[in-house]
C-alpha atoms as a PDB file:
ATOM      1  CA  MET A   1     346.813 -41.854   3.058  1.00  0.00           C
ATOM      2  CA  LYS A   2     346.601 -39.446   0.165  1.00  0.00           C
ATOM      3  CA  LYS A   3     343.602 -41.341  -1.186  1.00  0.00           C
ATOM      4  CA  HIS A   4     341.756 -40.984   2.116  1.00  0.00           C
ATOM      5  CA  LYS A   5     342.532 -37.264   2.237  1.00  0.00           C
ATOM      6  CA  LYS A   6     341.235 -36.795  -1.309  1.00  0.00           C
ATOM      7  CA  GLU A   7     337.931 -38.532  -0.505  1.00  0.00           C
ATOM      8  CA  HIS A   8     337.544 -36.361   2.607  1.00  0.00           C
ATOM      9  CA  THR A   9     338.045 -33.221   0.513  1.00  0.00           C
ATOM     10  CA  GLU A  10     335.429 -34.326  -2.059  1.00  0.00           C
ATOM     11  CA  ASN A  11     332.913 -35.033   0.688  1.00  0.00           C
ATOM     12  CA  GLN A  12     333.411 -31.548   2.115  1.00  0.00           C
ATOM     13  CA  ASP A  13     332.855 -30.031  -1.341  1.00  0.00           C
ATOM     14  CA  HIS A  14     329.591 -31.986  -1.819  1.00  0.00           C
ATOM     15  CA  ALA A  15     328.365 -30.909   1.597  1.00  0.00           C
ATOM     16  CA  THR A  16     329.125 -27.280   0.768  1.00  0.00           C
ATOM     17  CA  GLU A  17     327.218 -27.519  -2.546  1.00  0.00           C
ATOM     18  CA  ALA A  18     324.231 -29.152  -0.817  1.00  0.00           C
ATOM     19  CA  LYS A  19     324.085 -26.401   1.794  1.00  0.00           C
ATOM     20  CA  THR A  20     324.341 -23.730  -0.899  1.00  0.00           C
ATOM     21  CA  GLY A  21     321.587 -25.369  -2.994  1.00  0.00           C
ATOM     22  CA  ALA A  22     319.314 -25.816  -0.021  1.00  0.00           C
ATOM     23  CA  GLY A  23     319.702 -22.202   0.866  1.00  0.00           C
ATOM     24  CA  GLN A  24     318.757 -21.064  -2.623  1.00  0.00           C
ATOM     25  CA  GLU A  25     315.676 -23.383  -2.789  1.00  0.00           C
ATOM     26  CA  PHE A  26     314.055 -22.279   0.427  1.00  0.00           C
ATOM     27  CA  ALA A  27     314.909 -18.572   0.412  1.00  0.00           C
ATOM     28  CA  PRO A  28     311.650 -16.654   1.355  1.00  0.00           C
ATOM     29  CA  GLU A  29     312.009 -14.007  -1.358  1.00  0.00           C
ATOM     30  CA  ASP A  30     312.429 -16.674  -4.063  1.00  0.00           C
ATOM     31  CA  SER A  31     309.359 -18.598  -2.852  1.00  0.00           C
ATOM     32  CA  ALA A  32     307.203 -15.473  -2.921  1.00  0.00           C
ATOM     33  CA  SER A  33     308.209 -14.647  -6.499  1.00  0.00           C
ATOM     34  CA  VAL A  34     307.529 -18.208  -7.634  1.00  0.00           C
ATOM     35  CA  ILE A  35     304.059 -18.174  -6.007  1.00  0.00           C
ATOM     36  CA  ALA A  36     303.291 -14.809  -7.554  1.00  0.00           C
ATOM     37  CA  ALA A  37     304.301 -16.075 -10.991  1.00  0.00           C
ATOM     38  CA  LEU A  38     302.179 -19.192 -10.588  1.00  0.00           C
ATOM     39  CA  GLU A  39     299.179 -17.139  -9.460  1.00  0.00           C
ATOM     40  CA  ALA A  40     299.575 -14.845 -12.464  1.00  0.00           C
ATOM     41  CA  LYS A  41     299.797 -17.828 -14.777  1.00  0.00           C
ATOM     42  CA  LEU A  42     296.730 -19.397 -13.157  1.00  0.00           C
ATOM     43  CA  ALA A  43     294.751 -16.161 -13.540  1.00  0.00           C
ATOM     44  CA  GLU A  44     295.754 -15.996 -17.209  1.00  0.00           C
ATOM     45  CA  LYS A  45     294.650 -19.584 -17.809  1.00  0.00           C
ATOM     46  CA  GLU A  46     291.350 -19.020 -15.971  1.00  0.00           C
ATOM     47  CA  LYS A  47     290.656 -15.994 -18.185  1.00  0.00           C
ATOM     48  CA  GLU A  48     291.516 -18.024 -21.274  1.00  0.00           C
ATOM     49  CA  ALA A  49     289.247 -20.865 -20.130  1.00  0.00           C
ATOM     50  CA  ALA A  50     286.353 -18.441 -19.526  1.00  0.00           C
ATOM     51  CA  GLU A  51     286.802 -16.947 -23.007  1.00  0.00           C
ATOM     52  CA  ASN A  52     286.871 -20.400 -24.586  1.00  0.00           C
ATOM     53  CA  TYR A  53     283.722 -21.415 -22.699  1.00  0.00           C
ATOM     54  CA  ASP A  54     281.955 -18.269 -23.883  1.00  0.00           C
ATOM     55  CA  LYS A  55     282.953 -19.074 -27.480  1.00  0.00           C
ATOM     56  CA  TYR A  56     281.646 -22.597 -27.006  1.00  0.00           C
ATOM     57  CA  LEU A  57     278.271 -21.351 -25.768  1.00  0.00           C
ATOM     58  CA  ARG A  58     277.963 -19.000 -28.745  1.00  0.00           C
ATOM     59  CA  MET A  59     278.823 -21.795 -31.173  1.00  0.00           C
ATOM     60  CA  VAL A  60     276.231 -24.087 -29.557  1.00  0.00           C
ATOM     61  CA  ALA A  61     273.567 -21.350 -29.854  1.00  0.00           C
ATOM     62  CA  GLU A  62     274.474 -20.645 -33.497  1.00  0.00           C
ATOM     63  CA  PHE A  63     274.346 -24.336 -34.362  1.00  0.00           C
ATOM     64  CA  ASP A  64     270.963 -24.689 -32.669  1.00  0.00           C
ATOM     65  CA  ASN A  65     269.627 -21.726 -34.693  1.00  0.00           C
ATOM     66  CA  TYR A  66     271.043 -23.279 -37.862  1.00  0.00           C
ATOM     67  CA  LYS A  67     269.248 -26.562 -37.155  1.00  0.00           C
ATOM     68  CA  LYS A  68     265.967 -24.693 -36.598  1.00  0.00           C
ATOM     69  CA  ARG A  69     266.368 -22.734 -39.861  1.00  0.00           C
ATOM     70  CA  ALA A  70     267.211 -25.910 -41.751  1.00  0.00           C
ATOM     71  CA  ALA A  71     264.124 -27.623 -40.306  1.00  0.00           C
ATOM     72  CA  ARG A  72     261.909 -24.663 -41.330  1.00  0.00           C
ATOM     73  CA  ASP A  73     263.392 -24.596 -44.836  1.00  0.00           C
ATOM     74  CA  LYS A  74     262.806 -28.328 -45.208  1.00  0.00           C
ATOM     75  CA  ALA A  75     259.218 -27.963 -43.993  1.00  0.00           C
ATOM     76  CA  ASP A  76     258.604 -25.137 -46.510  1.00  0.00           C
ATOM     77  CA  ILE A  77     260.012 -27.242 -49.349  1.00  0.00           C
ATOM     78  CA  ILE A  78     257.691 -30.095 -48.432  1.00  0.00           C
ATOM     79  CA  LYS A  79     254.723 -27.757 -47.914  1.00  0.00           C
ATOM     80  CA  PHE A  80     255.082 -25.686 -51.113  1.00  0.00           C
ATOM     81  CA  GLY A  81     257.017 -28.082 -53.363  1.00  0.00           C
ATOM     82  CA  LYS A  82     253.863 -28.982 -55.343  1.00  0.00           C
ATOM     83  CA  GLU A  83     253.189 -25.396 -56.448  1.00  0.00           C
ATOM     84  CA  ASP A  84     254.318 -25.778 -60.081  1.00  0.00           C
ATOM     85  CA  VAL A  85     252.344 -29.008 -60.544  1.00  0.00           C
ATOM     86  CA  ILE A  86     249.189 -27.437 -59.177  1.00  0.00           C
ATOM     87  CA  LYS A  87     249.545 -24.413 -61.471  1.00  0.00           C
ATOM     88  CA  ASP A  88     249.552 -26.826 -64.404  1.00  0.00           C
ATOM     89  CA  ILE A  89     246.315 -28.423 -63.191  1.00  0.00           C
ATOM     90  CA  LEU A  90     244.386 -25.160 -62.797  1.00  0.00           C
ATOM     91  CA  PRO A  91     243.640 -24.692 -66.545  1.00  0.00           C
ATOM     92  CA  PHE A  92     241.608 -27.929 -66.430  1.00  0.00           C
ATOM     93  CA  ILE A  93     239.411 -26.369 -63.766  1.00  0.00           C
ATOM     94  CA  ASP A  94     238.973 -23.301 -65.993  1.00  0.00           C
ATOM     95  CA  SER A  95     237.927 -25.477 -68.955  1.00  0.00           C
ATOM     96  CA  LEU A  96     235.398 -27.352 -66.842  1.00  0.00           C
ATOM     97  CA  ASP A  97     233.978 -24.069 -65.564  1.00  0.00           C
ATOM     98  CA  ARG A  98     233.437 -22.825 -69.129  1.00  0.00           C
ATOM     99  CA  ALA A  99     231.860 -26.126 -70.236  1.00  0.00           C
ATOM    100  CA  LEU A 100     229.413 -26.027 -67.336  1.00  0.00           C
ATOM    101  CA  GLU A 101     228.546 -22.425 -68.132  1.00  0.00           C
ATOM    102  CA  HIS A 102     227.765 -23.233 -71.803  1.00  0.00           C
ATOM    103  CA  ALA A 103     225.645 -26.229 -70.848  1.00  0.00           C
ATOM    104  CA  GLU A 104     223.646 -24.355 -68.201  1.00  0.00           C
ATOM    105  CA  ASN A 105     220.636 -23.574 -70.430  1.00  0.00           C
ATOM    106  CA  ASN A 106     220.612 -26.799 -72.431  1.00  0.00           C
ATOM    107  CA  SER A 107     218.495 -29.484 -70.770  1.00  0.00           C
ATOM    108  CA  ASP A 108     219.325 -32.033 -73.476  1.00  0.00           C
ATOM    109  CA  ILE A 109     222.809 -32.473 -72.200  1.00  0.00           C
ATOM    110  CA  GLN A 110     221.917 -32.697 -68.530  1.00  0.00           C
ATOM    111  CA  ALA A 111     223.737 -35.974 -68.114  1.00  0.00           C
ATOM    112  CA  PHE A 112     226.816 -34.528 -69.757  1.00  0.00           C
ATOM    113  CA  LYS A 113     226.703 -31.545 -67.426  1.00  0.00           C
ATOM    114  CA  GLU A 114     226.377 -33.782 -64.394  1.00  0.00           C
ATOM    115  CA  GLY A 115     229.366 -35.787 -65.563  1.00  0.00           C
ATOM    116  CA  LEU A 116     231.454 -32.662 -65.954  1.00  0.00           C
ATOM    117  CA  LYS A 117     230.360 -31.501 -62.527  1.00  0.00           C
ATOM    118  CA  LEU A 118     231.429 -34.818 -61.046  1.00  0.00           C
ATOM    119  CA  ILE A 119     234.851 -34.513 -62.686  1.00  0.00           C
ATOM    120  CA  GLN A 120     235.169 -30.990 -61.393  1.00  0.00           C
ATOM    121  CA  ASP A 121     234.301 -32.037 -57.849  1.00  0.00           C
ATOM    122  CA  GLN A 122     236.772 -34.906 -57.997  1.00  0.00           C
ATOM    123  CA  LEU A 123     239.558 -32.670 -59.255  1.00  0.00           C
ATOM    124  CA  LEU A 124     238.834 -30.028 -56.645  1.00  0.00           C
ATOM    125  CA  GLY A 125     238.836 -32.739 -53.994  1.00  0.00           C
ATOM    126  CA  CYS A 126     242.230 -33.897 -55.211  1.00  0.00           C
ATOM    127  CA  LEU A 127     243.572 -30.348 -55.094  1.00  0.00           C
ATOM    128  CA  LYS A 128     242.174 -29.818 -51.611  1.00  0.00           C
ATOM    129  CA  LYS A 129     243.961 -32.964 -50.473  1.00  0.00           C
ATOM    130  CA  HIS A 130     247.203 -31.254 -51.508  1.00  0.00           C
ATOM    131  CA  GLY A 131     246.359 -28.005 -49.699  1.00  0.00           C
ATOM    132  CA  VAL A 132     244.606 -26.116 -52.532  1.00  0.00           C
ATOM    133  CA  GLU A 133     241.377 -24.272 -51.778  1.00  0.00           C
ATOM    134  CA  LYS A 134     239.132 -22.086 -53.892  1.00  0.00           C
ATOM    135  CA  ILE A 135     238.793 -18.401 -52.981  1.00  0.00           C
ATOM    136  CA  GLU A 136     235.165 -17.403 -52.387  1.00  0.00           C
ATOM    137  CA  CYS A 137     234.536 -14.066 -54.116  1.00  0.00           C
ATOM    138  CA  VAL A 138     231.006 -13.143 -55.186  1.00  0.00           C
ATOM    139  CA  GLY A 139     229.282 -10.958 -52.624  1.00  0.00           C
ATOM    140  CA  LYS A 140     232.461 -10.583 -50.610  1.00  0.00           C
ATOM    141  CA  GLU A 141     234.360  -7.364 -49.898  1.00  0.00           C
ATOM    142  CA  PHE A 142     236.998  -6.712 -52.560  1.00  0.00           C
ATOM    143  CA  ASP A 143     240.422  -7.607 -51.187  1.00  0.00           C
ATOM    144  CA  PRO A 144     243.453  -6.756 -53.366  1.00  0.00           C
ATOM    145  CA  ASN A 145     245.427  -9.435 -51.547  1.00  0.00           C
ATOM    146  CA  PHE A 146     243.195 -12.144 -53.062  1.00  0.00           C
ATOM    147  CA  HIS A 147     241.243 -10.456 -55.884  1.00  0.00           C
ATOM    148  CA  GLU A 148     242.262  -8.873 -59.184  1.00  0.00           C
ATOM    149  CA  ALA A 149     239.744  -6.262 -60.346  1.00  0.00           C
ATOM    150  CA  MET A 150     239.105  -6.575 -64.098  1.00  0.00           C
ATOM    151  CA  MET A 151     236.329  -3.952 -64.201  1.00  0.00           C
ATOM    152  CA  GLN A 152     234.040  -1.767 -62.083  1.00  0.00           C
ATOM    153  CA  GLU A 153     230.280  -1.578 -62.521  1.00  0.00           C
ATOM    154  CA  ASP A 154     227.215  -0.211 -60.760  1.00  0.00           C
ATOM    155  CA  SER A 155     224.761  -2.632 -59.154  1.00  0.00           C
ATOM    156  CA  GLU A 156     221.639  -1.981 -57.159  1.00  0.00           C
ATOM    157  CA  TYR A 157     221.953  -5.418 -55.589  1.00  0.00           C
ATOM    158  CA  HIS A 158     225.467  -4.955 -54.204  1.00  0.00           C
ATOM    159  CA  ASP A 159     227.094  -2.546 -51.786  1.00  0.00           C
ATOM    160  CA  GLU A 160     230.067  -0.367 -52.655  1.00  0.00           C
ATOM    161  CA  ASN A 161     233.336  -2.309 -53.186  1.00  0.00           C
ATOM    162  CA  LYS A 162     231.592  -5.699 -53.184  1.00  0.00           C
ATOM    163  CA  VAL A 163     232.513  -8.365 -55.739  1.00  0.00           C
ATOM    164  CA  ILE A 164     229.724  -8.733 -58.333  1.00  0.00           C
ATOM    165  CA  ASN A 165     231.034 -11.387 -60.735  1.00  0.00           C
ATOM    166  CA  GLU A 166     233.927 -13.792 -60.889  1.00  0.00           C
ATOM    167  CA  PHE A 167     235.635 -14.192 -64.292  1.00  0.00           C
ATOM    168  CA  GLN A 168     238.340 -16.591 -63.139  1.00  0.00           C
ATOM    169  CA  CYS A 169     238.616 -18.479 -59.863  1.00  0.00           C
ATOM    170  CA  GLY A 170     241.428 -17.777 -57.443  1.00  0.00           C
ATOM    171  CA  TYR A 171     243.166 -20.428 -55.336  1.00  0.00           C
ATOM    172  CA  LEU A 172     245.178 -20.714 -52.132  1.00  0.00           C
ATOM    173  CA  LEU A 173     247.928 -23.241 -51.432  1.00  0.00           C
ATOM    174  CA  ASN A 174     248.138 -23.948 -47.690  1.00  0.00           C
ATOM    175  CA  ASP A 175     246.659 -20.463 -47.039  1.00  0.00           C
ATOM    176  CA  ARG A 176     249.197 -18.776 -49.327  1.00  0.00           C
ATOM    177  CA  LEU A 177     247.987 -17.101 -52.531  1.00  0.00           C
ATOM    178  CA  LEU A 178     248.540 -19.310 -55.566  1.00  0.00           C
ATOM    179  CA  ARG A 179     246.500 -17.251 -58.026  1.00  0.00           C
ATOM    180  CA  PRO A 180     244.212 -14.242 -57.440  1.00  0.00           C
ATOM    181  CA  ALA A 181     240.573 -14.349 -58.483  1.00  0.00           C
ATOM    182  CA  ARG A 182     239.668 -12.091 -61.430  1.00  0.00           C
ATOM    183  CA  VAL A 183     236.490 -10.221 -60.573  1.00  0.00           C
ATOM    184  CA  SER A 184     234.242  -7.238 -61.272  1.00  0.00           C
ATOM    185  CA  VAL A 185     233.695  -4.821 -58.393  1.00  0.00           C
ATOM    186  CA  CYS A 186     230.679  -2.685 -57.508  1.00  0.00           C
ATOM    187  CA  LYS A 187     231.259   1.045 -57.898  1.00  0.00           C
ATOM    188  CA  LYS A 188     228.220   3.180 -57.140  1.00  0.00           C
ATOM    189  CA  ALA A 189     227.805   5.813 -59.888  1.00  0.00           C
ATOM    190  CA  GLY A 190     225.060   7.574 -57.928  1.00  0.00           C
ATOM    191  CA  LYS A 191     227.388   8.123 -55.018  1.00  0.00           C
ATOM    192  CA  GLU A 192     229.778  10.197 -57.128  1.00  0.00           C
ATOM    193  CA  LYS A 193     226.858  12.098 -58.664  1.00  0.00           C
ATOM    194  CA  ASN A 194     225.399  12.965 -55.268  1.00  0.00           C
ATOM    195  CA  THR A 195     228.797  14.165 -54.117  1.00  0.00           C
ATOM    196  CA  CYS A 196     229.117  16.472 -57.128  1.00  0.00           C
ATOM    197  CA  GLU A 197     225.612  17.850 -56.579  1.00  0.00           C
ATOM    198  CA  GLN A 198     226.398  18.556 -52.923  1.00  0.00           C
ATOM    199  CA  ILE A 199     229.539  20.486 -53.937  1.00  0.00           C
ATOM    200  CA  VAL A 200     227.504  22.618 -56.405  1.00  0.00           C
ATOM    201  CA  GLU A 201     224.858  23.365 -53.773  1.00  0.00           C
ATOM    202  CA  ASN A 202     227.503  24.491 -51.331  1.00  0.00           C
ATOM    203  CA  GLY A 203     229.008  26.796 -53.942  1.00  0.00           C
ATOM    204  CA  GLU A 204     232.399  25.153 -53.855  1.00  0.00           C
END
């Protein structure tokens, strides 16, 4: 009998605890606070996700720019990597130019001159294949970007600031200056004289 009474008492206690727990779980004020906390947490995570996505987009853009810069740098290395070799070849062109100049008035060595000219053409063709081109100077307007003025002289056959003679050829490598041409430039002496005379006449 006592055992039955004890079991009955324990069952009542469990029922009381269940009712108390159920009341705490489904209380309206507790549910509202839990929902509010979850919404706040969700908003925080959404903000964090948006910030992370923005960082990701920036990193993708930076990496894409890096790849483009690396590709340009590689292309420049390939395009201009032969510069030092070509500079070493240029003195041979200068020597051939001088040999042709000395042989110009000697008809006895015509064959020799033609041979030198052939070598020169072949070497220039080889240089052109690698992106090297000769700068045309004589009769052209003096351009400090491509010409180096060694002297100025008067000439009745050339206009002011025109290139009269070329002392050393200039060359471009893929349209970039490799070596400027050394030239003489026309400077009209009469022009300065006429200017001075005009100043005297005006009494200045």
